[in-house]
Amino acid sequence: RLLAAMVTVTQHGPGGGTVMFNFISDLEIDAHETADRFVL
């Protein structure tokens, strides 16, 4: 969810503009499942 989370910031007035950014830009996860649980 954090990888998908984003915000748009708009500055009004002269020289203003809109900037979008994500809170996390890259995500790599090594995980596996055992018989009874998920392990990161």
PDB file of all heavy atoms in Angstrom:
ATOM      1  N   ARG A   1       0.838  -1.215   0.000  1.00  0.00           N
ATOM      2  CA  ARG A   1       0.000   0.000   0.000  1.00  0.00           C
ATOM      3  C   ARG A   1       0.867   1.257   0.000  1.00  0.00           C
ATOM      4  O   ARG A   1       0.562   2.231  -0.692  1.00  0.00           O
ATOM      5  CB  ARG A   1      -0.944   0.015   1.208  1.00  0.00           C
ATOM      6  CG  ARG A   1      -2.126  -0.912   1.079  1.00  0.00           C
ATOM      7  CD  ARG A   1      -3.160  -0.673   2.161  1.00  0.00           C
ATOM      8  NE  ARG A   1      -2.634  -0.840   3.507  1.00  0.00           N
ATOM      9  CZ  ARG A   1      -2.610  -1.989   4.176  1.00  0.00           C
ATOM     10  NH1 ARG A   1      -3.067  -3.096   3.604  1.00  0.00           N
ATOM     11  NH2 ARG A   1      -2.147  -2.040   5.403  1.00  0.00           N
ATOM     12  N   LEU A   2       1.962   1.235   0.759  1.00  0.00           N
ATOM     13  CA  LEU A   2       2.849   2.399   0.791  1.00  0.00           C
ATOM     14  C   LEU A   2       3.490   2.648  -0.572  1.00  0.00           C
ATOM     15  O   LEU A   2       3.728   3.794  -0.947  1.00  0.00           O
ATOM     16  CB  LEU A   2       3.935   2.229   1.859  1.00  0.00           C
ATOM     17  CG  LEU A   2       3.475   2.430   3.294  1.00  0.00           C
ATOM     18  CD1 LEU A   2       4.590   2.023   4.265  1.00  0.00           C
ATOM     19  CD2 LEU A   2       3.044   3.865   3.533  1.00  0.00           C
ATOM     20  N   LEU A   3       3.756   1.589  -1.299  1.00  0.00           N
ATOM     21  CA  LEU A   3       4.314   1.750  -2.646  1.00  0.00           C
ATOM     22  C   LEU A   3       3.317   2.473  -3.551  1.00  0.00           C
ATOM     23  O   LEU A   3       3.695   3.280  -4.392  1.00  0.00           O
ATOM     24  CB  LEU A   3       4.686   0.388  -3.236  1.00  0.00           C
ATOM     25  CG  LEU A   3       5.346   0.396  -4.609  1.00  0.00           C
ATOM     26  CD1 LEU A   3       6.678   1.136  -4.576  1.00  0.00           C
ATOM     27  CD2 LEU A   3       5.547  -1.030  -5.087  1.00  0.00           C
ATOM     28  N   ALA A   4       2.033   2.207  -3.349  1.00  0.00           N
ATOM     29  CA  ALA A   4       0.990   2.847  -4.162  1.00  0.00           C
ATOM     30  C   ALA A   4       0.600   4.232  -3.644  1.00  0.00           C
ATOM     31  O   ALA A   4       0.029   5.030  -4.389  1.00  0.00           O
ATOM     32  CB  ALA A   4      -0.254   1.956  -4.200  1.00  0.00           C
ATOM     33  N   ALA A   5       0.911   4.516  -2.379  1.00  0.00           N
ATOM     34  CA  ALA A   5       0.512   5.800  -1.778  1.00  0.00           C
ATOM     35  C   ALA A   5       1.246   6.950  -2.456  1.00  0.00           C
ATOM     36  O   ALA A   5       2.441   6.878  -2.715  1.00  0.00           O
ATOM     37  CB  ALA A   5       0.808   5.795  -0.283  1.00  0.00           C
ATOM     38  N   MET A   6       0.499   8.004  -2.752  1.00  0.00           N
ATOM     39  CA  MET A   6       1.118   9.160  -3.396  1.00  0.00           C
ATOM     40  C   MET A   6       0.393  10.428  -2.977  1.00  0.00           C
ATOM     41  O   MET A   6      -0.711  10.386  -2.456  1.00  0.00           O
ATOM     42  CB  MET A   6       1.098   9.029  -4.905  1.00  0.00           C
ATOM     43  CG  MET A   6      -0.293   8.967  -5.478  1.00  0.00           C
ATOM     44  SD  MET A   6      -0.406   8.783  -7.270  1.00  0.00           S
ATOM     45  CE  MET A   6       1.196   9.001  -7.857  1.00  0.00           C
ATOM     46  N   VAL A   7       1.065  11.526  -3.211  1.00  0.00           N
ATOM     47  CA  VAL A   7       0.471  12.823  -2.899  1.00  0.00           C
ATOM     48  C   VAL A   7       0.778  13.774  -4.043  1.00  0.00           C
ATOM     49  O   VAL A   7       1.806  13.659  -4.709  1.00  0.00           O
ATOM     50  CB  VAL A   7       0.989  13.367  -1.543  1.00  0.00           C
ATOM     51  CG1 VAL A   7       2.457  13.715  -1.609  1.00  0.00           C
ATOM     52  CG2 VAL A   7       0.180  14.551  -1.069  1.00  0.00           C
ATOM     53  N   THR A   8      -0.149  14.682  -4.292  1.00  0.00           N
ATOM     54  CA  THR A   8       0.032  15.724  -5.299  1.00  0.00           C
ATOM     55  C   THR A   8       0.089  17.062  -4.572  1.00  0.00           C
ATOM     56  O   THR A   8      -0.783  17.373  -3.771  1.00  0.00           O
ATOM     57  CB  THR A   8      -1.154  15.740  -6.288  1.00  0.00           C
ATOM     58  OG1 THR A   8      -1.290  14.441  -6.853  1.00  0.00           O
ATOM     59  CG2 THR A   8      -0.935  16.764  -7.392  1.00  0.00           C
ATOM     60  N   VAL A   9       1.136  17.819  -4.852  1.00  0.00           N
ATOM     61  CA  VAL A   9       1.292  19.141  -4.249  1.00  0.00           C
ATOM     62  C   VAL A   9       1.208  20.168  -5.365  1.00  0.00           C
ATOM     63  O   VAL A   9       1.952  20.095  -6.342  1.00  0.00           O
ATOM     64  CB  VAL A   9       2.644  19.270  -3.512  1.00  0.00           C
ATOM     65  CG1 VAL A   9       2.799  20.651  -2.913  1.00  0.00           C
ATOM     66  CG2 VAL A   9       2.770  18.188  -2.458  1.00  0.00           C
ATOM     67  N   THR A  10       0.291  21.114  -5.210  1.00  0.00           N
ATOM     68  CA  THR A  10       0.115  22.164  -6.211  1.00  0.00           C
ATOM     69  C   THR A  10       0.428  23.507  -5.586  1.00  0.00           C
ATOM     70  O   THR A  10      -0.118  23.858  -4.543  1.00  0.00           O
ATOM     71  CB  THR A  10      -1.327  22.177  -6.751  1.00  0.00           C
ATOM     72  OG1 THR A  10      -1.612  20.890  -7.308  1.00  0.00           O
ATOM     73  CG2 THR A  10      -1.504  23.244  -7.819  1.00  0.00           C
ATOM     74  N   GLN A  11       1.344  24.213  -6.213  1.00  0.00           N
ATOM     75  CA  GLN A  11       1.674  25.564  -5.768  1.00  0.00           C
ATOM     76  C   GLN A  11       1.034  26.536  -6.749  1.00  0.00           C
ATOM     77  O   GLN A  11       1.323  26.498  -7.951  1.00  0.00           O
ATOM     78  CB  GLN A  11       3.184  25.773  -5.736  1.00  0.00           C
ATOM     79  CG  GLN A  11       3.570  27.148  -5.258  1.00  0.00           C
ATOM     80  CD  GLN A  11       5.081  27.330  -5.216  1.00  0.00           C
ATOM     81  OE1 GLN A  11       5.830  26.395  -5.450  1.00  0.00           O
ATOM     82  NE2 GLN A  11       5.515  28.534  -4.933  1.00  0.00           N
ATOM     83  N   HIS A  12       0.160  27.383  -6.246  1.00  0.00           N
ATOM     84  CA  HIS A  12      -0.532  28.355  -7.085  1.00  0.00           C
ATOM     85  C   HIS A  12       0.293  29.625  -7.195  1.00  0.00           C
ATOM     86  O   HIS A  12       1.158  29.897  -6.393  1.00  0.00           O
ATOM     87  CB  HIS A  12      -1.921  28.663  -6.508  1.00  0.00           C
ATOM     88  CG  HIS A  12      -2.796  27.449  -6.426  1.00  0.00           C
ATOM     89  ND1 HIS A  12      -3.420  26.916  -7.531  1.00  0.00           N
ATOM     90  CD2 HIS A  12      -3.118  26.647  -5.386  1.00  0.00           C
ATOM     91  CE1 HIS A  12      -4.092  25.849  -7.172  1.00  0.00           C
ATOM     92  NE2 HIS A  12      -3.936  25.661  -5.871  1.00  0.00           N
ATOM     93  N   GLY A  13       0.003  30.390  -8.216  1.00  0.00           N
ATOM     94  CA  GLY A  13       0.679  31.670  -8.395  1.00  0.00           C
ATOM     95  C   GLY A  13       1.810  31.570  -9.394  1.00  0.00           C
ATOM     96  O   GLY A  13       2.048  30.524  -9.997  1.00  0.00           O
ATOM     97  N   PRO A  14       2.548  32.670  -9.542  1.00  0.00           N
ATOM     98  CA  PRO A  14       3.653  32.698 -10.507  1.00  0.00           C
ATOM     99  C   PRO A  14       4.710  31.641 -10.168  1.00  0.00           C
ATOM    100  O   PRO A  14       5.089  31.480  -9.014  1.00  0.00           O
ATOM    101  CB  PRO A  14       4.235  34.102 -10.360  1.00  0.00           C
ATOM    102  CG  PRO A  14       3.209  34.891  -9.622  1.00  0.00           C
ATOM    103  CD  PRO A  14       2.385  33.929  -8.841  1.00  0.00           C
ATOM    104  N   GLY A  15       5.138  30.957 -11.182  1.00  0.00           N
ATOM    105  CA  GLY A  15       6.166  29.933 -10.993  1.00  0.00           C
ATOM    106  C   GLY A  15       5.643  28.679 -10.326  1.00  0.00           C
ATOM    107  O   GLY A  15       6.407  27.785  -9.994  1.00  0.00           O
ATOM    108  N   GLY A  16       4.356  28.616 -10.082  1.00  0.00           N
ATOM    109  CA  GLY A  16       3.757  27.453  -9.427  1.00  0.00           C
ATOM    110  C   GLY A  16       3.692  26.266 -10.359  1.00  0.00           C
ATOM    111  O   GLY A  16       3.979  26.357 -11.555  1.00  0.00           O
ATOM    112  N   GLY A  17       3.331  25.181  -9.828  1.00  0.00           N
ATOM    113  CA  GLY A  17       3.197  23.961 -10.619  1.00  0.00           C
ATOM    114  C   GLY A  17       2.695  22.835  -9.741  1.00  0.00           C
ATOM    115  O   GLY A  17       2.398  23.020  -8.567  1.00  0.00           O
ATOM    116  N   THR A  18       2.620  21.680 -10.330  1.00  0.00           N
ATOM    117  CA  THR A  18       2.132  20.507  -9.618  1.00  0.00           C
ATOM    118  C   THR A  18       3.220  19.445  -9.596  1.00  0.00           C
ATOM    119  O   THR A  18       3.860  19.177 -10.611  1.00  0.00           O
ATOM    120  CB  THR A  18       0.873  19.951 -10.302  1.00  0.00           C
ATOM    121  OG1 THR A  18      -0.131  20.965 -10.287  1.00  0.00           O
ATOM    122  CG2 THR A  18       0.352  18.722  -9.598  1.00  0.00           C
ATOM    123  N   VAL A  19       3.414  18.863  -8.435  1.00  0.00           N
ATOM    124  CA  VAL A  19       4.393  17.798  -8.255  1.00  0.00           C
ATOM    125  C   VAL A  19       3.685  16.621  -7.596  1.00  0.00           C
ATOM    126  O   VAL A  19       2.948  16.800  -6.636  1.00  0.00           O
ATOM    127  CB  VAL A  19       5.567  18.254  -7.355  1.00  0.00           C
ATOM    128  CG1 VAL A  19       6.517  17.108  -7.078  1.00  0.00           C
ATOM    129  CG2 VAL A  19       6.293  19.425  -7.963  1.00  0.00           C
ATOM    130  N   MET A  20       3.904  15.430  -8.140  1.00  0.00           N
ATOM    131  CA  MET A  20       3.370  14.212  -7.539  1.00  0.00           C
ATOM    132  C   MET A  20       4.548  13.392  -7.037  1.00  0.00           C
ATOM    133  O   MET A  20       5.594  13.343  -7.692  1.00  0.00           O
ATOM    134  CB  MET A  20       2.581  13.397  -8.559  1.00  0.00           C
ATOM    135  CG  MET A  20       1.317  14.074  -9.031  1.00  0.00           C
ATOM    136  SD  MET A  20       0.461  13.130 -10.316  1.00  0.00           S
ATOM    137  CE  MET A  20       0.175  11.578  -9.512  1.00  0.00           C
ATOM    138  N   PHE A  21       4.388  12.772  -5.872  1.00  0.00           N
ATOM    139  CA  PHE A  21       5.444  11.874  -5.416  1.00  0.00           C
ATOM    140  C   PHE A  21       4.871  10.727  -4.607  1.00  0.00           C
ATOM    141  O   PHE A  21       3.805  10.826  -4.028  1.00  0.00           O
ATOM    142  CB  PHE A  21       6.540  12.616  -4.639  1.00  0.00           C
ATOM    143  CG  PHE A  21       6.146  13.074  -3.260  1.00  0.00           C
ATOM    144  CD1 PHE A  21       6.446  12.303  -2.149  1.00  0.00           C
ATOM    145  CD2 PHE A  21       5.520  14.295  -3.062  1.00  0.00           C
ATOM    146  CE1 PHE A  21       6.103  12.722  -0.882  1.00  0.00           C
ATOM    147  CE2 PHE A  21       5.183  14.729  -1.803  1.00  0.00           C
ATOM    148  CZ  PHE A  21       5.475  13.936  -0.699  1.00  0.00           C
ATOM    149  N   ASN A  22       5.607   9.621  -4.635  1.00  0.00           N
ATOM    150  CA  ASN A  22       5.269   8.439  -3.854  1.00  0.00           C
ATOM    151  C   ASN A  22       6.100   8.462  -2.582  1.00  0.00           C
ATOM    152  O   ASN A  22       7.195   8.999  -2.559  1.00  0.00           O
ATOM    153  CB  ASN A  22       5.577   7.165  -4.640  1.00  0.00           C
ATOM    154  CG  ASN A  22       4.656   7.004  -5.811  1.00  0.00           C
ATOM    155  OD1 ASN A  22       4.795   7.690  -6.822  1.00  0.00           O
ATOM    156  ND2 ASN A  22       3.701   6.115  -5.688  1.00  0.00           N
ATOM    157  N   PHE A  23       5.600   7.837  -1.535  1.00  0.00           N
ATOM    158  CA  PHE A  23       6.333   7.769  -0.274  1.00  0.00           C
ATOM    159  C   PHE A  23       7.456   6.750  -0.344  1.00  0.00           C
ATOM    160  O   PHE A  23       8.485   6.896   0.300  1.00  0.00           O
ATOM    161  CB  PHE A  23       5.376   7.449   0.875  1.00  0.00           C
ATOM    162  CG  PHE A  23       4.449   8.598   1.159  1.00  0.00           C
ATOM    163  CD1 PHE A  23       3.180   8.629   0.615  1.00  0.00           C
ATOM    164  CD2 PHE A  23       4.856   9.652   1.949  1.00  0.00           C
ATOM    165  CE1 PHE A  23       2.324   9.685   0.862  1.00  0.00           C
ATOM    166  CE2 PHE A  23       4.015  10.726   2.194  1.00  0.00           C
ATOM    167  CZ  PHE A  23       2.742  10.739   1.649  1.00  0.00           C
ATOM    168  N   ILE A  24       7.259   5.688  -1.145  1.00  0.00           N
ATOM    169  CA  ILE A  24       8.288   4.670  -1.392  1.00  0.00           C
ATOM    170  C   ILE A  24       8.439   4.573  -2.904  1.00  0.00           C
ATOM    171  O   ILE A  24       7.449   4.450  -3.613  1.00  0.00           O
ATOM    172  CB  ILE A  24       7.865   3.303  -0.833  1.00  0.00           C
ATOM    173  CG1 ILE A  24       7.805   3.335   0.686  1.00  0.00           C
ATOM    174  CG2 ILE A  24       8.816   2.211  -1.296  1.00  0.00           C
ATOM    175  CD1 ILE A  24       7.329   2.026   1.300  1.00  0.00           C
ATOM    176  N   SER A  25       9.686   4.630  -3.387  1.00  0.00           N
ATOM    177  CA  SER A  25       9.857   4.582  -4.835  1.00  0.00           C
ATOM    178  C   SER A  25      10.196   3.189  -5.350  1.00  0.00           C
ATOM    179  O   SER A  25       9.909   2.871  -6.493  1.00  0.00           O
ATOM    180  CB  SER A  25      10.918   5.587  -5.283  1.00  0.00           C
ATOM    181  OG  SER A  25      12.147   5.330  -4.656  1.00  0.00           O
ATOM    182  N   ASP A  26      10.826   2.362  -4.528  1.00  0.00           N
ATOM    183  CA  ASP A  26      11.157   0.991  -4.927  1.00  0.00           C
ATOM    184  C   ASP A  26      10.890   0.069  -3.754  1.00  0.00           C
ATOM    185  O   ASP A  26      11.082   0.453  -2.596  1.00  0.00           O
ATOM    186  CB  ASP A  26      12.629   0.851  -5.316  1.00  0.00           C
ATOM    187  CG  ASP A  26      12.945   1.491  -6.653  1.00  0.00           C
ATOM    188  OD1 ASP A  26      12.216   1.221  -7.616  1.00  0.00           O
ATOM    189  OD2 ASP A  26      13.917   2.252  -6.712  1.00  0.00           O
ATOM    190  N   LEU A  27      10.498  -1.146  -4.064  1.00  0.00           N
ATOM    191  CA  LEU A  27      10.227  -2.126  -3.016  1.00  0.00           C
ATOM    192  C   LEU A  27      10.635  -3.504  -3.510  1.00  0.00           C
ATOM    193  O   LEU A  27      10.226  -3.933  -4.585  1.00  0.00           O
ATOM    194  CB  LEU A  27       8.733  -2.121  -2.666  1.00  0.00           C
ATOM    195  CG  LEU A  27       8.233  -3.187  -1.703  1.00  0.00           C
ATOM    196  CD1 LEU A  27       8.900  -3.065  -0.332  1.00  0.00           C
ATOM    197  CD2 LEU A  27       6.716  -3.120  -1.580  1.00  0.00           C
ATOM    198  N   GLU A  28      11.486  -4.162  -2.729  1.00  0.00           N
ATOM    199  CA  GLU A  28      11.861  -5.553  -2.996  1.00  0.00           C
ATOM    200  C   GLU A  28      11.607  -6.335  -1.714  1.00  0.00           C
ATOM    201  O   GLU A  28      12.031  -5.910  -0.639  1.00  0.00           O
ATOM    202  CB  GLU A  28      13.339  -5.664  -3.365  1.00  0.00           C
ATOM    203  CG  GLU A  28      13.714  -4.972  -4.653  1.00  0.00           C
ATOM    204  CD  GLU A  28      15.218  -5.000  -4.893  1.00  0.00           C
ATOM    205  OE1 GLU A  28      15.891  -5.952  -4.422  1.00  0.00           O
ATOM    206  OE2 GLU A  28      15.710  -4.068  -5.528  1.00  0.00           O
ATOM    207  N   ILE A  29      10.920  -7.442  -1.849  1.00  0.00           N
ATOM    208  CA  ILE A  29      10.580  -8.254  -0.687  1.00  0.00           C
ATOM    209  C   ILE A  29      11.005  -9.692  -0.938  1.00  0.00           C
ATOM    210  O   ILE A  29      10.657 -10.268  -1.973  1.00  0.00           O
ATOM    211  CB  ILE A  29       9.068  -8.200  -0.400  1.00  0.00           C
ATOM    212  CG1 ILE A  29       8.638  -6.777  -0.045  1.00  0.00           C
ATOM    213  CG2 ILE A  29       8.703  -9.167   0.719  1.00  0.00           C
ATOM    214  CD1 ILE A  29       7.148  -6.602   0.116  1.00  0.00           C
ATOM    215  N   ASP A  30      11.767 -10.239  -0.011  1.00  0.00           N
ATOM    216  CA  ASP A  30      12.063 -11.669  -0.013  1.00  0.00           C
ATOM    217  C   ASP A  30      11.210 -12.282   1.086  1.00  0.00           C
ATOM    218  O   ASP A  30      11.360 -11.928   2.257  1.00  0.00           O
ATOM    219  CB  ASP A  30      13.542 -11.931   0.283  1.00  0.00           C
ATOM    220  CG  ASP A  30      14.452 -11.457  -0.840  1.00  0.00           C
ATOM    221  OD1 ASP A  30      14.014 -11.490  -2.009  1.00  0.00           O
ATOM    222  OD2 ASP A  30      15.585 -11.045  -0.559  1.00  0.00           O
ATOM    223  N   ALA A  31      10.313 -13.165   0.695  1.00  0.00           N
ATOM    224  CA  ALA A  31       9.398 -13.773   1.656  1.00  0.00           C
ATOM    225  C   ALA A  31       9.139 -15.219   1.263  1.00  0.00           C
ATOM    226  O   ALA A  31       9.353 -15.608   0.113  1.00  0.00           O
ATOM    227  CB  ALA A  31       8.084 -12.998   1.698  1.00  0.00           C
ATOM    228  N   HIS A  32       8.691 -15.979   2.230  1.00  0.00           N
ATOM    229  CA  HIS A  32       8.289 -17.355   1.968  1.00  0.00           C
ATOM    230  C   HIS A  32       7.206 -17.753   2.962  1.00  0.00           C
ATOM    231  O   HIS A  32       6.993 -17.086   3.963  1.00  0.00           O
ATOM    232  CB  HIS A  32       9.482 -18.309   2.051  1.00  0.00           C
ATOM    233  CG  HIS A  32      10.106 -18.368   3.409  1.00  0.00           C
ATOM    234  ND1 HIS A  32      11.025 -17.441   3.855  1.00  0.00           N
ATOM    235  CD2 HIS A  32       9.921 -19.234   4.438  1.00  0.00           C
ATOM    236  CE1 HIS A  32      11.395 -17.736   5.084  1.00  0.00           C
ATOM    237  NE2 HIS A  32      10.742 -18.814   5.476  1.00  0.00           N
ATOM    238  N   GLU A  33       6.516 -18.818   2.633  1.00  0.00           N
ATOM    239  CA  GLU A  33       5.475 -19.328   3.513  1.00  0.00           C
ATOM    240  C   GLU A  33       5.904 -20.667   4.065  1.00  0.00           C
ATOM    241  O   GLU A  33       6.427 -21.513   3.348  1.00  0.00           O
ATOM    242  CB  GLU A  33       4.152 -19.481   2.758  1.00  0.00           C
ATOM    243  CG  GLU A  33       3.528 -18.150   2.390  1.00  0.00           C
ATOM    244  CD  GLU A  33       2.136 -18.309   1.822  1.00  0.00           C
ATOM    245  OE1 GLU A  33       1.284 -18.890   2.525  1.00  0.00           O
ATOM    246  OE2 GLU A  33       1.925 -17.861   0.696  1.00  0.00           O
ATOM    247  N   THR A  34       5.701 -20.812   5.358  1.00  0.00           N
ATOM    248  CA  THR A  34       5.890 -22.119   5.982  1.00  0.00           C
ATOM    249  C   THR A  34       4.507 -22.755   6.079  1.00  0.00           C
ATOM    250  O   THR A  34       3.526 -22.191   5.603  1.00  0.00           O
ATOM    251  CB  THR A  34       6.517 -21.965   7.379  1.00  0.00           C
ATOM    252  OG1 THR A  34       5.612 -21.269   8.225  1.00  0.00           O
ATOM    253  CG2 THR A  34       7.841 -21.211   7.312  1.00  0.00           C
ATOM    254  N   ALA A  35       4.439 -23.893   6.707  1.00  0.00           N
ATOM    255  CA  ALA A  35       3.150 -24.584   6.824  1.00  0.00           C
ATOM    256  C   ALA A  35       2.125 -23.745   7.574  1.00  0.00           C
ATOM    257  O   ALA A  35       0.932 -23.830   7.300  1.00  0.00           O
ATOM    258  CB  ALA A  35       3.342 -25.920   7.533  1.00  0.00           C
ATOM    259  N   ASP A  36       2.592 -22.915   8.491  1.00  0.00           N
ATOM    260  CA  ASP A  36       1.626 -22.190   9.326  1.00  0.00           C
ATOM    261  C   ASP A  36       1.775 -20.670   9.326  1.00  0.00           C
ATOM    262  O   ASP A  36       1.006 -19.986   9.990  1.00  0.00           O
ATOM    263  CB  ASP A  36       1.707 -22.700  10.769  1.00  0.00           C
ATOM    264  CG  ASP A  36       3.085 -22.499  11.388  1.00  0.00           C
ATOM    265  OD1 ASP A  36       4.043 -22.236  10.645  1.00  0.00           O
ATOM    266  OD2 ASP A  36       3.195 -22.616  12.618  1.00  0.00           O
ATOM    267  N   ARG A  37       2.745 -20.129   8.583  1.00  0.00           N
ATOM    268  CA  ARG A  37       2.867 -18.667   8.596  1.00  0.00           C
ATOM    269  C   ARG A  37       3.647 -18.128   7.406  1.00  0.00           C
ATOM    270  O   ARG A  37       4.372 -18.836   6.733  1.00  0.00           O
ATOM    271  CB  ARG A  37       3.462 -18.166   9.893  1.00  0.00           C
ATOM    272  CG  ARG A  37       4.860 -18.656  10.182  1.00  0.00           C
ATOM    273  CD  ARG A  37       5.354 -18.084  11.473  1.00  0.00           C
ATOM    274  NE  ARG A  37       6.426 -17.163  11.140  1.00  0.00           N
ATOM    275  CZ  ARG A  37       7.458 -16.903  11.897  1.00  0.00           C
ATOM    276  NH1 ARG A  37       7.561 -17.444  13.064  1.00  0.00           N
ATOM    277  NH2 ARG A  37       8.402 -16.088  11.513  1.00  0.00           N
ATOM    278  N   PHE A  38       3.470 -16.827   7.200  1.00  0.00           N
ATOM    279  CA  PHE A  38       4.135 -16.059   6.147  1.00  0.00           C
ATOM    280  C   PHE A  38       5.340 -15.379   6.794  1.00  0.00           C
ATOM    281  O   PHE A  38       5.208 -14.775   7.858  1.00  0.00           O
ATOM    282  CB  PHE A  38       3.147 -15.012   5.624  1.00  0.00           C
ATOM    283  CG  PHE A  38       3.661 -14.175   4.490  1.00  0.00           C
ATOM    284  CD1 PHE A  38       3.564 -14.609   3.182  1.00  0.00           C
ATOM    285  CD2 PHE A  38       4.239 -12.936   4.737  1.00  0.00           C
ATOM    286  CE1 PHE A  38       4.020 -13.833   2.142  1.00  0.00           C
ATOM    287  CE2 PHE A  38       4.701 -12.152   3.708  1.00  0.00           C
ATOM    288  CZ  PHE A  38       4.595 -12.603   2.397  1.00  0.00           C
ATOM    289  N   VAL A  39       6.519 -15.462   6.168  1.00  0.00           N
ATOM    290  CA  VAL A  39       7.744 -14.930   6.764  1.00  0.00           C
ATOM    291  C   VAL A  39       8.422 -13.945   5.805  1.00  0.00           C
ATOM    292  O   VAL A  39       8.697 -14.294   4.652  1.00  0.00           O
ATOM    293  CB  VAL A  39       8.735 -16.066   7.107  1.00  0.00           C
ATOM    294  CG1 VAL A  39      10.023 -15.508   7.695  1.00  0.00           C
ATOM    295  CG2 VAL A  39       8.101 -17.075   8.057  1.00  0.00           C
ATOM    296  N   LEU A  40       8.664 -12.736   6.297  1.00  0.00           N
ATOM    297  CA  LEU A  40       9.442 -11.750   5.547  1.00  0.00           C
ATOM    298  C   LEU A  40      10.909 -11.955   5.904  1.00  0.00           C
ATOM    299  O   LEU A  40      11.307 -11.722   7.045  1.00  0.00           O
ATOM    300  CB  LEU A  40       9.052 -10.322   5.946  1.00  0.00           C
ATOM    301  CG  LEU A  40       7.777  -9.743   5.399  1.00  0.00           C
ATOM    302  CD1 LEU A  40       7.550  -8.343   5.963  1.00  0.00           C
ATOM    303  CD2 LEU A  40       7.808  -9.688   3.892  1.00  0.00           C
TER     304      LEU A  40
END
